[in-house]
Amino acid sequence: MRTSRLEAFSDGVLAIIITIMVLELHRPEGATLEDLGGSATSFLTYLLSFVYIGIYWSNHHHMFQLVRRVDGAVLWANLHLLFWLSLYPFTTAWMDETDLARTPLVVYGVNLLAAALAYYVLVLAIKRAEGPDGPFAEAIGRDVKGKVSPLLYLAGIGSAFLAGWLALVFYAAVAAMWLVPDRRMEAYVAEHGLAD
């Protein structure tokens, strides 16, 4: 089957996730810049999760430029990814409302790790559906960032037991690593004239 329904559904779910997250932001009690400073943690945790959702949306978009067919395994792998991403508003709000307490920081890291692993499962399902010699498998290559990210999430989860800010450094480092555009898919599409 074609990918258009899967892409449209995923886009809608990701838009809803971002909307829910922004509704969780706390407004300052007063009308001064000092009062606004009290919302800094809330804004920064929202920003981090927003960036993560943006990264997944961007990579999902680029990935499905090369996917020509999906099967039931791909559909379920995509739903598995969306499940973990749909928990971002909950784990983000919990982390914020507890002033970055250890357990919420660990749970947030586990949520990030689970989404990364779900994305990897989706990649494997697409490779199986498309075949090992398909354009997707060729374009994805070795996927070094995809293999390093879970290790950094684990480091962040472990460091939450030492210092909360250190966990956030690891979580933000993964986001920063993925903010550098991953041009594998775009380059492959352009090189092989596959653009829609």
Protein backbone atom coordinates (compact mmCIF):
# COMPACT_ATOMS: atom_id res chain seq x y z
CA MET A 1 0.00 0.00 0.00
CA ARG A 2 1.06 3.59 -0.51
CA THR A 3 2.56 5.72 2.25
CA SER A 4 0.32 8.81 2.02
CA ARG A 5 -2.19 7.76 4.70
CA LEU A 6 0.56 6.76 7.11
CA GLU A 7 2.33 10.08 6.58
CA ALA A 8 -0.85 12.15 6.99
CA PHE A 9 -1.81 10.30 10.17
CA SER A 10 1.69 10.69 11.62
CA ASP A 11 1.76 14.42 10.79
CA GLY A 12 -1.59 14.87 12.56
CA VAL A 13 -0.49 12.98 15.67
CA LEU A 14 2.76 14.96 15.91
CA ALA A 15 0.84 18.26 15.54
CA ILE A 16 -1.47 17.22 18.38
CA ILE A 17 1.50 16.25 20.57
CA ILE A 18 3.05 19.70 20.11
CA THR A 19 -0.30 21.36 20.86
CA ILE A 20 -0.71 19.38 24.07
CA MET A 21 2.83 20.27 25.15
CA VAL A 22 2.34 24.00 24.64
CA LEU A 23 -0.90 23.87 26.63
CA GLU A 24 1.12 22.46 29.55
CA LEU A 25 3.29 25.60 29.71
CA HIS A 26 2.63 27.56 32.90
CA ARG A 27 1.83 31.25 32.64
CA PRO A 28 3.63 33.56 35.07
CA GLU A 29 1.64 34.66 38.13
CA GLY A 30 2.52 38.32 37.67
CA ALA A 31 3.24 40.74 34.85
CA THR A 32 6.95 41.39 35.35
CA LEU A 33 10.05 39.96 33.73
CA GLU A 34 10.97 38.54 37.12
CA ASP A 35 7.70 36.60 37.11
CA LEU A 36 8.48 35.38 33.60
CA GLY A 37 11.84 34.08 34.88
CA GLY A 38 9.91 31.70 37.12
CA SER A 39 8.64 29.97 33.97
CA ALA A 40 12.13 29.45 32.56
CA THR A 41 12.36 25.75 33.47
CA SER A 42 8.92 25.13 32.01
CA PHE A 43 9.86 26.85 28.77
CA LEU A 44 13.23 25.10 28.49
CA THR A 45 11.75 21.62 29.03
CA TYR A 46 9.06 22.45 26.46
CA LEU A 47 11.72 23.67 24.03
CA LEU A 48 13.75 20.48 24.39
CA SER A 49 10.73 18.27 23.77
CA PHE A 50 9.55 20.49 20.90
CA VAL A 51 12.96 20.11 19.26
CA TYR A 52 12.75 16.34 19.66
CA ILE A 53 9.31 16.20 18.05
CA GLY A 54 10.61 18.42 15.23
CA ILE A 55 13.58 16.11 14.69
CA TYR A 56 11.33 13.05 14.49
CA TRP A 57 8.92 14.81 12.14
CA SER A 58 11.74 15.94 9.85
CA ASN A 59 13.44 12.54 9.77
CA HIS A 60 10.10 10.77 9.30
CA HIS A 61 9.34 13.06 6.35
CA HIS A 62 12.71 12.45 4.70
CA MET A 63 12.54 8.73 5.33
CA PHE A 64 9.16 8.34 3.66
CA GLN A 65 10.37 10.16 0.55
CA LEU A 66 12.21 6.93 -0.25
CA VAL A 67 9.63 4.42 0.96
CA ARG A 68 7.46 3.15 -1.86
CA ARG A 69 5.37 0.59 -0.06
CA VAL A 70 4.32 -0.21 3.46
CA ASP A 71 2.94 -3.38 4.95
CA GLY A 72 1.29 -4.23 8.26
CA ALA A 73 4.64 -4.45 10.07
CA VAL A 74 5.55 -0.92 8.96
CA LEU A 75 2.15 0.39 10.05
CA TRP A 76 2.50 -1.15 13.51
CA ALA A 77 6.13 -0.05 13.85
CA ASN A 78 5.01 3.50 13.01
CA LEU A 79 2.24 3.32 15.63
CA HIS A 80 4.81 2.02 18.13
CA LEU A 81 6.93 5.13 17.47
CA LEU A 82 3.91 7.43 17.76
CA PHE A 83 2.99 5.82 21.09
CA TRP A 84 6.33 6.74 22.66
CA LEU A 85 6.27 10.22 21.13
CA SER A 86 2.73 10.74 22.46
CA LEU A 87 4.11 10.33 26.00
CA TYR A 88 6.43 13.35 25.59
CA PRO A 89 3.83 15.84 26.90
CA PHE A 90 3.34 13.73 30.04
CA THR A 91 7.02 13.13 30.80
CA THR A 92 7.92 16.73 29.93
CA ALA A 93 5.23 18.15 32.24
CA TRP A 94 6.19 15.79 35.07
CA MET A 95 9.84 16.74 34.76
CA ASP A 96 8.92 20.44 34.82
CA GLU A 97 6.36 20.28 37.64
CA THR A 98 8.78 18.47 39.93
CA ASP A 99 11.62 20.95 39.32
CA LEU A 100 13.72 18.33 37.52
CA ALA A 101 13.53 15.71 40.26
CA ARG A 102 15.50 12.50 39.71
CA THR A 103 12.67 10.05 38.95
CA PRO A 104 10.95 12.28 36.36
CA LEU A 105 14.33 12.93 34.72
CA VAL A 106 14.96 9.20 34.51
CA VAL A 107 11.45 8.55 33.14
CA TYR A 108 11.95 11.32 30.57
CA GLY A 109 15.22 9.70 29.50
CA VAL A 110 13.55 6.30 29.25
CA ASN A 111 10.85 7.92 27.10
CA LEU A 112 13.53 9.41 24.82
CA LEU A 113 15.32 6.05 24.64
CA ALA A 114 12.11 4.15 23.91
CA ALA A 115 11.24 6.54 21.06
CA ALA A 116 14.73 6.12 19.60
CA LEU A 117 14.45 2.34 19.75
CA ALA A 118 10.96 2.51 18.22
CA TYR A 119 12.36 4.60 15.37
CA TYR A 120 15.04 1.94 14.83
CA VAL A 121 12.35 -0.76 14.75
CA LEU A 122 10.51 1.32 12.12
CA VAL A 123 13.70 1.54 10.05
CA LEU A 124 14.11 -2.25 10.26
CA ALA A 125 10.47 -2.84 9.26
CA ILE A 126 10.86 -0.54 6.25
CA LYS A 127 14.09 -2.27 5.21
CA ARG A 128 12.31 -5.62 5.39
CA ALA A 129 9.32 -4.35 3.39
CA GLU A 130 11.46 -2.63 0.77
CA GLY A 131 14.14 -5.29 0.55
CA PRO A 132 17.84 -5.12 1.39
CA ASP A 133 18.75 -3.70 -2.01
CA GLY A 134 16.06 -1.02 -2.04
CA PRO A 135 16.77 2.70 -2.15
CA PHE A 136 15.87 3.13 1.50
CA ALA A 137 18.45 0.61 2.74
CA GLU A 138 21.08 2.17 0.50
CA ALA A 139 20.30 5.73 1.63
CA ILE A 140 20.18 4.95 5.38
CA GLY A 141 23.68 3.51 5.29
CA ARG A 142 25.38 2.75 8.60
CA ASP A 143 23.27 5.27 10.58
CA VAL A 144 25.99 6.22 13.07
CA LYS A 145 23.89 8.88 14.83
CA GLY A 146 21.08 6.37 15.25
CA LYS A 147 23.46 3.97 16.99
CA VAL A 148 25.16 6.58 19.19
CA SER A 149 21.93 8.21 20.41
CA PRO A 150 20.74 5.31 22.63
CA LEU A 151 24.15 5.21 24.31
CA LEU A 152 23.90 8.92 25.14
CA TYR A 153 20.36 8.44 26.45
CA LEU A 154 21.61 5.66 28.73
CA ALA A 155 24.40 7.97 29.92
CA GLY A 156 21.79 10.64 30.63
CA ILE A 157 19.57 8.22 32.52
CA GLY A 158 22.53 7.05 34.60
CA SER A 159 23.73 10.57 35.28
CA ALA A 160 20.29 11.59 36.57
CA PHE A 161 21.23 9.66 39.71
CA LEU A 162 24.26 11.93 40.16
CA ALA A 163 23.02 15.36 39.04
CA GLY A 164 19.84 16.36 37.25
CA TRP A 165 21.49 19.03 35.17
CA LEU A 166 23.95 16.45 33.84
CA ALA A 167 21.12 14.27 32.57
CA LEU A 168 19.71 17.27 30.71
CA VAL A 169 23.12 17.91 29.18
CA PHE A 170 23.14 14.41 27.68
CA TYR A 171 19.51 14.72 26.48
CA ALA A 172 20.24 18.11 24.92
CA ALA A 173 23.45 16.78 23.34
CA VAL A 174 21.49 14.14 21.44
CA ALA A 175 19.03 16.77 20.25
CA ALA A 176 21.91 19.03 19.16
CA MET A 177 23.53 16.14 17.31
CA TRP A 178 20.31 15.55 15.36
CA LEU A 179 19.74 19.27 14.71
CA VAL A 180 22.65 19.10 12.31
CA PRO A 181 20.71 18.14 9.20
CA ASP A 182 20.95 14.51 8.23
CA ARG A 183 21.28 14.83 4.48
CA ARG A 184 21.50 11.13 3.61
CA MET A 185 17.89 10.87 2.49
CA GLU A 186 17.76 14.26 0.76
CA ALA A 187 21.02 13.57 -1.06
CA TYR A 188 19.84 10.16 -2.21
CA VAL A 189 16.52 11.56 -3.45
CA ALA A 190 18.25 14.36 -5.35
CA GLU A 191 20.97 12.13 -6.77
CA HIS A 192 18.50 9.55 -8.06
CA GLY A 193 15.81 11.98 -9.23
CA LEU A 194 13.18 10.59 -6.88
CA ALA A 195 11.65 13.90 -5.78
CA ASP A 196 7.87 14.12 -6.05
